[in-house]
Protein backbone atom coordinates (compact mmCIF):
# COMPACT_ATOMS: atom_id res chain seq x y z
CA UNK A 1 96.64 79.82 87.12
CA UNK A 2 97.99 79.76 83.62
CA UNK A 3 100.68 81.48 81.56
CA UNK A 4 99.70 83.22 78.40
CA UNK A 5 102.22 85.21 76.25
CA UNK A 6 104.52 85.76 79.25
CA UNK A 7 101.68 86.89 81.58
CA UNK A 8 100.34 84.94 84.57
CA UNK A 9 96.57 84.80 84.49
CA UNK A 10 94.97 84.07 87.85
CA UNK A 11 91.80 84.91 89.72
CA UNK A 12 91.30 85.66 93.42
CA UNK A 13 91.51 82.23 95.07
CA UNK A 14 94.00 80.92 92.50
CA UNK A 15 96.77 83.07 93.90
CA UNK A 16 98.75 81.88 96.89
CA UNK A 17 98.81 84.30 99.89
CA UNK A 18 102.54 84.95 99.46
CA UNK A 19 104.03 85.10 96.00
CA UNK A 20 106.58 87.05 93.99
CA UNK A 21 107.51 87.53 90.34
CA UNK A 22 110.67 86.42 88.66
CA UNK A 23 111.52 88.84 85.86
CA UNK A 24 114.04 88.39 83.13
CA UNK A 25 115.33 90.99 80.68
CA UNK A 26 118.45 92.59 79.36
CA UNK A 27 120.48 89.49 80.27
CA UNK A 28 119.52 89.76 83.96
CA UNK A 29 117.00 88.13 86.26
CA UNK A 30 115.51 89.58 89.41
CA UNK A 31 112.68 89.00 91.90
CA UNK A 32 109.81 91.46 92.45
CA UNK A 33 107.24 91.51 95.18
CA UNK A 34 103.68 92.47 94.07
CA UNK A 35 102.81 95.57 96.14
CA UNK A 36 99.09 95.06 95.30
CA UNK A 37 98.91 91.81 97.20
CA UNK A 38 99.27 93.65 100.49
CA UNK A 39 96.16 94.73 102.38
CA UNK A 40 95.81 98.49 102.99
CA UNK A 41 97.66 99.85 106.06
CA UNK A 42 95.06 102.54 106.83
CA UNK A 43 92.01 101.02 108.57
CA UNK A 44 88.34 101.82 108.58
CA UNK A 45 88.67 103.98 111.64
CA UNK A 46 91.37 106.07 109.92
CA UNK A 47 89.12 106.47 106.86
CA UNK A 48 86.10 107.48 109.00
CA UNK A 49 88.11 110.04 111.02
CA UNK A 50 89.77 111.50 107.90
CA UNK A 51 86.38 111.88 106.14
CA UNK A 52 84.88 113.59 109.25
CA UNK A 53 87.91 115.87 109.54
CA UNK A 54 88.47 114.57 113.03
CA UNK A 55 91.72 112.56 112.68
CA UNK A 56 94.05 114.28 115.14
CA UNK A 57 97.22 112.23 114.33
CA UNK A 58 97.43 112.45 110.57
CA UNK A 59 101.21 112.85 110.65
CA UNK A 60 101.30 109.21 111.78
CA UNK A 61 99.24 108.06 108.76
CA UNK A 62 100.08 110.34 105.84
CA UNK A 63 103.52 110.61 104.36
CA UNK A 64 106.13 107.83 104.14
CA UNK A 65 106.45 105.41 107.05
CA UNK A 66 108.88 102.50 107.10
CA UNK A 67 107.23 99.48 108.77
CA UNK A 68 106.69 95.78 108.76
CA UNK A 69 103.38 94.87 107.19
CA UNK A 70 102.06 91.34 106.60
CA UNK A 71 105.49 89.93 107.40
CA UNK A 72 107.47 92.19 105.03
CA UNK A 73 109.64 95.19 105.71
CA UNK A 74 108.98 98.17 103.46
CA UNK A 75 107.43 101.66 103.44
CA UNK A 76 103.80 102.71 103.42
CA UNK A 77 103.12 105.84 101.38
CA UNK A 78 99.85 107.73 101.89
CA UNK A 79 98.84 111.16 100.64
CA UNK A 80 95.65 113.26 100.74
CA UNK A 81 94.84 114.28 97.15
CA UNK A 82 91.04 114.54 96.89
CA UNK A 83 90.89 115.90 93.35
CA UNK A 84 93.60 113.61 91.84
CA UNK A 85 92.79 111.18 89.11
CA UNK A 86 96.01 109.27 89.61
CA UNK A 87 98.82 109.35 92.19
CA UNK A 88 102.11 107.36 91.96
CA UNK A 89 105.17 106.85 94.14
CA UNK A 90 108.32 107.49 92.15
CA UNK A 91 111.99 107.50 93.23
CA UNK A 92 115.36 105.97 92.54
CA UNK A 93 114.01 102.55 93.51
CA UNK A 94 111.73 102.56 90.39
CA UNK A 95 113.88 104.68 88.11
CA UNK A 96 111.51 107.66 88.57
CA UNK A 97 108.88 105.84 86.51
CA UNK A 98 105.35 107.02 87.44
CA UNK A 99 103.75 103.97 85.84
CA UNK A 100 105.51 101.51 88.12
CA UNK A 101 103.77 102.12 91.47
CA UNK A 102 100.33 103.82 91.10
CA UNK A 103 98.71 104.24 94.48
CA UNK A 104 95.24 103.01 95.41
CA UNK A 105 92.43 105.47 96.12
CA UNK A 106 90.85 104.89 99.58
CA UNK A 107 87.26 105.53 98.93
CA UNK A 108 85.74 109.00 99.26
CA UNK A 109 88.37 110.21 101.75
CA UNK A 110 90.68 111.60 99.08
CA UNK A 111 93.54 109.52 100.51
CA UNK A 112 95.75 107.40 98.23
CA UNK A 113 97.94 104.68 99.71
CA UNK A 114 100.34 101.87 98.85
CA UNK A 115 102.74 99.67 100.77
CA UNK A 116 105.99 98.98 98.93
CA UNK A 117 107.90 96.00 100.22
CA UNK A 118 111.72 96.24 100.30
CA UNK A 119 111.62 100.02 99.72
CA UNK A 120 113.57 101.77 102.48
CA UNK A 121 115.01 104.74 100.70
CA UNK A 122 114.22 108.14 102.05
CA UNK A 123 114.31 109.91 98.60
CA UNK A 124 110.89 109.73 96.98
CA UNK A 125 108.26 111.99 95.60
CA UNK A 126 104.49 111.53 95.07
CA UNK A 127 103.24 112.81 91.78
CA UNK A 128 99.67 113.80 90.94
């Protein structure tokens, strides 16, 4: 790992399993968790059943679900948007900025997902 112009440059095995970012700006300093270090919450069986149109408990998988994942409390957001080019979670927790938390596409299922640690607020919106 190395720092270059204020950016941390690391590749796969260089990163520790658990890490966070310390951010400074506007005379303040705060700690951020990297939501992209977390493995997906939806599993291969979920993906298969969704792609087959046979998932009979989608309400348990899609939407916003507070949970503990990989040792952190937060919320998993998942949405079915098969024709979307980009989907983000926005809310008060990220100042309604759609560039802060873009979701990950889950293969050919049309499902987008992200786990946001330390996000527990009920007011959010997914934008496409």
